[in-house]
């Protein structure tokens, strides 16, 4: 079993405002566009792998590191390759916002971005580089999104402004 660990990734909180409140998201912030695209290439490979290929189910887990911070591990695998993304020291208020969002909405979002040559953060085209998740583990407890939510997920990004918080390394 081969394992790939992401080292140069930071966390950014992502929020999409809606009339019912904010849809929370995790934005994986990389140093370059190619690094950001690379992680989503691996996610697309994971999602599109034929049923005959063994997969390790995706796990998104936050663990309390201190009273005001969490660590994040995202792990998934296809075939004999396991991908593991680890980010330490995420502000606790972002995790509380994620839990609050899941009380209203069925899903949260995972996406990625990078810092351009001028030092500005750029989100990858969100229509192509996103993943909806309904389950997250926080301090060993599994939280799932609200199954009765009737939000129009297909048209989520049409005309929406996506707010991305400052980077946390």
Protein backbone atom coordinates (compact mmCIF):
# COMPACT_ATOMS: atom_id res chain seq x y z
CA UNK A 1 0.00 0.00 0.00
CA UNK A 2 1.45 3.32 -1.08
CA UNK A 3 0.60 6.47 0.91
CA UNK A 4 0.72 10.05 -0.32
CA UNK A 5 0.66 12.81 2.31
CA UNK A 6 0.02 16.46 1.47
CA UNK A 7 2.53 18.73 3.22
CA UNK A 8 2.16 22.22 1.79
CA UNK A 9 -1.54 22.75 2.27
CA UNK A 10 -3.36 25.27 4.44
CA UNK A 11 -7.00 25.60 5.52
CA UNK A 12 -9.36 28.36 4.47
CA UNK A 13 -12.96 28.48 5.57
CA UNK A 14 -15.34 28.80 2.63
CA UNK A 15 -18.88 30.14 2.99
CA UNK A 16 -21.65 30.50 0.43
CA UNK A 17 -24.44 32.83 1.56
CA UNK A 18 -28.02 31.74 0.91
CA UNK A 19 -31.41 33.01 2.14
CA UNK A 20 -31.41 30.22 4.79
CA UNK A 21 -27.90 30.98 6.03
CA UNK A 22 -24.42 30.01 5.02
CA UNK A 23 -23.34 26.78 3.36
CA UNK A 24 -20.01 25.89 4.94
CA UNK A 25 -16.99 24.61 3.13
CA UNK A 26 -13.41 23.51 3.45
CA UNK A 27 -10.99 25.14 1.05
CA UNK A 28 -7.63 23.43 0.66
CA UNK A 29 -5.10 26.18 -0.05
CA UNK A 30 -1.99 25.20 -2.02
CA UNK A 31 1.08 27.12 -3.16
CA UNK A 32 0.39 26.59 -6.87
CA UNK A 33 -2.55 25.93 -9.19
CA UNK A 34 -1.05 22.62 -10.32
CA UNK A 35 -0.83 21.38 -6.72
CA UNK A 36 -4.46 22.38 -6.11
CA UNK A 37 -5.62 20.68 -9.32
CA UNK A 38 -3.58 17.58 -8.46
CA UNK A 39 -5.57 16.89 -5.30
CA UNK A 40 -8.83 17.18 -7.23
CA UNK A 41 -7.51 14.92 -9.96
CA UNK A 42 -7.02 12.34 -7.20
CA UNK A 43 -10.54 12.99 -5.86
CA UNK A 44 -12.03 12.63 -9.37
CA UNK A 45 -10.11 9.38 -9.83
CA UNK A 46 -11.49 8.18 -6.48
CA UNK A 47 -15.07 9.09 -7.42
CA UNK A 48 -14.92 7.62 -10.92
CA UNK A 49 -13.04 4.39 -10.11
CA UNK A 50 -14.88 1.29 -11.33
CA UNK A 51 -16.48 -0.85 -8.65
CA UNK A 52 -13.92 -3.58 -9.39
CA UNK A 53 -11.11 -1.35 -8.09
CA UNK A 54 -10.73 -1.37 -4.29
CA UNK A 55 -11.31 2.00 -2.63
CA UNK A 56 -10.72 3.30 0.86
CA UNK A 57 -13.79 5.32 1.78
CA UNK A 58 -13.19 9.02 2.16
CA UNK A 59 -12.89 10.19 5.76
CA UNK A 60 -13.01 13.86 6.76
CA UNK A 61 -12.13 14.23 10.43
CA UNK A 62 -11.49 17.17 12.75
CA UNK A 63 -9.83 16.50 16.11
CA UNK A 64 -9.53 19.07 18.86
CA UNK A 65 -5.90 20.15 19.21
CA UNK A 66 -6.48 22.79 21.90
CA UNK A 67 -9.39 24.70 23.37
CA UNK A 68 -9.50 27.01 20.36
CA UNK A 69 -8.13 24.91 17.50
CA UNK A 70 -8.64 21.68 15.56
CA UNK A 71 -6.58 19.48 13.27
CA UNK A 72 -8.01 18.12 10.03
CA UNK A 73 -7.32 14.81 8.28
CA UNK A 74 -8.86 13.95 4.92
CA UNK A 75 -8.05 10.45 3.77
CA UNK A 76 -9.18 8.37 0.80
CA UNK A 77 -7.73 5.78 -1.51
CA UNK A 78 -8.02 4.08 -4.88
CA UNK A 79 -6.31 0.80 -5.67
CA UNK A 80 -3.12 0.62 -3.67
CA UNK A 81 -2.67 4.41 -3.26
CA UNK A 82 -3.98 6.19 -0.17
CA UNK A 83 -4.10 9.99 -0.20
CA UNK A 84 -3.85 11.76 3.17
CA UNK A 85 -4.22 15.51 3.67
CA UNK A 86 -3.36 16.90 7.12
CA UNK A 87 -3.80 20.46 8.35
CA UNK A 88 -3.09 21.56 11.92
CA UNK A 89 -4.25 24.51 14.01
CA UNK A 90 -7.60 25.41 12.43
CA UNK A 91 -9.60 27.99 14.38
CA UNK A 92 -12.44 26.34 16.32
CA UNK A 93 -15.03 28.89 15.15
CA UNK A 94 -14.74 27.50 11.59
CA UNK A 95 -15.66 24.02 12.83
CA UNK A 96 -18.62 25.43 14.78
CA UNK A 97 -19.82 27.17 11.61
CA UNK A 98 -19.54 23.86 9.72
CA UNK A 99 -21.64 22.06 12.37
CA UNK A 100 -24.20 24.88 12.28
CA UNK A 101 -24.42 24.66 8.49
CA UNK A 102 -25.05 20.89 8.62
CA UNK A 103 -28.04 21.48 10.89
CA UNK A 104 -29.69 23.36 8.01
CA UNK A 105 -28.13 21.92 4.84
CA UNK A 106 -27.58 18.37 3.67
CA UNK A 107 -24.02 18.97 2.45
CA UNK A 108 -20.89 20.97 3.00
CA UNK A 109 -18.34 21.67 0.31
CA UNK A 110 -14.70 20.79 -0.23
CA UNK A 111 -12.79 22.79 -2.82
CA UNK A 112 -9.26 24.05 -3.44
CA UNK A 113 -7.30 27.14 -4.38
CA UNK A 114 -3.80 28.52 -4.64
CA UNK A 115 -1.72 31.66 -4.26
CA UNK A 116 -0.96 33.34 -7.58
CA UNK A 117 2.35 34.97 -8.56
CA UNK A 118 1.19 38.32 -7.09
CA UNK A 119 0.45 36.69 -3.73
CA UNK A 120 -3.35 36.75 -4.16
CA UNK A 121 -5.49 33.77 -3.34
CA UNK A 122 -7.37 32.24 -6.29
CA UNK A 123 -10.12 29.66 -6.00
CA UNK A 124 -10.02 26.94 -8.67
CA UNK A 125 -13.10 27.17 -10.94
CA UNK A 126 -15.68 26.02 -8.43
CA UNK A 127 -17.98 24.48 -11.05
CA UNK A 128 -15.28 21.91 -11.86
CA UNK A 129 -13.34 21.61 -8.61
CA UNK A 130 -15.70 20.85 -5.78
CA UNK A 131 -16.97 17.94 -3.77
CA UNK A 132 -20.17 17.83 -1.73
CA UNK A 133 -19.98 15.82 1.50
CA UNK A 134 -22.76 15.09 3.98
CA UNK A 135 -20.68 13.46 6.71
CA UNK A 136 -17.85 14.75 8.88
CA UNK A 137 -16.27 13.40 12.06
CA UNK A 138 -15.60 15.96 14.79
CA UNK A 139 -13.90 14.82 18.00
CA UNK A 140 -14.85 11.21 17.25
CA UNK A 141 -18.55 11.99 16.70
CA UNK A 142 -20.09 11.67 13.22
CA UNK A 143 -22.21 14.59 12.06
CA UNK A 144 -24.39 14.35 8.97
CA UNK A 145 -26.22 17.02 7.05
CA UNK A 146 -29.93 17.64 7.36
CA UNK A 147 -31.60 15.04 5.09
CA UNK A 148 -34.82 17.05 4.87
CA UNK A 149 -33.08 20.00 3.19
CA UNK A 150 -34.60 20.73 -0.23
CA UNK A 151 -31.95 23.17 -1.45
CA UNK A 152 -31.26 23.32 -5.22
CA UNK A 153 -27.69 21.96 -5.19
CA UNK A 154 -27.40 21.74 -8.98
CA UNK A 155 -27.65 25.52 -9.34
CA UNK A 156 -25.71 26.43 -6.19
CA UNK A 157 -22.91 28.33 -7.92
CA UNK A 158 -25.04 30.27 -10.41
CA UNK A 159 -24.64 33.94 -9.49
CA UNK A 160 -23.37 33.21 -5.98
CA UNK A 161 -20.49 34.97 -4.36
CA UNK A 162 -18.21 32.53 -2.59
CA UNK A 163 -16.47 33.99 0.46
CA UNK A 164 -13.10 32.53 1.35
CA UNK A 165 -11.52 33.38 4.72
CA UNK A 166 -7.87 34.13 5.30
CA UNK A 167 -5.40 31.28 5.19
CA UNK A 168 -4.51 29.28 8.28
CA UNK A 169 -1.35 27.22 8.17
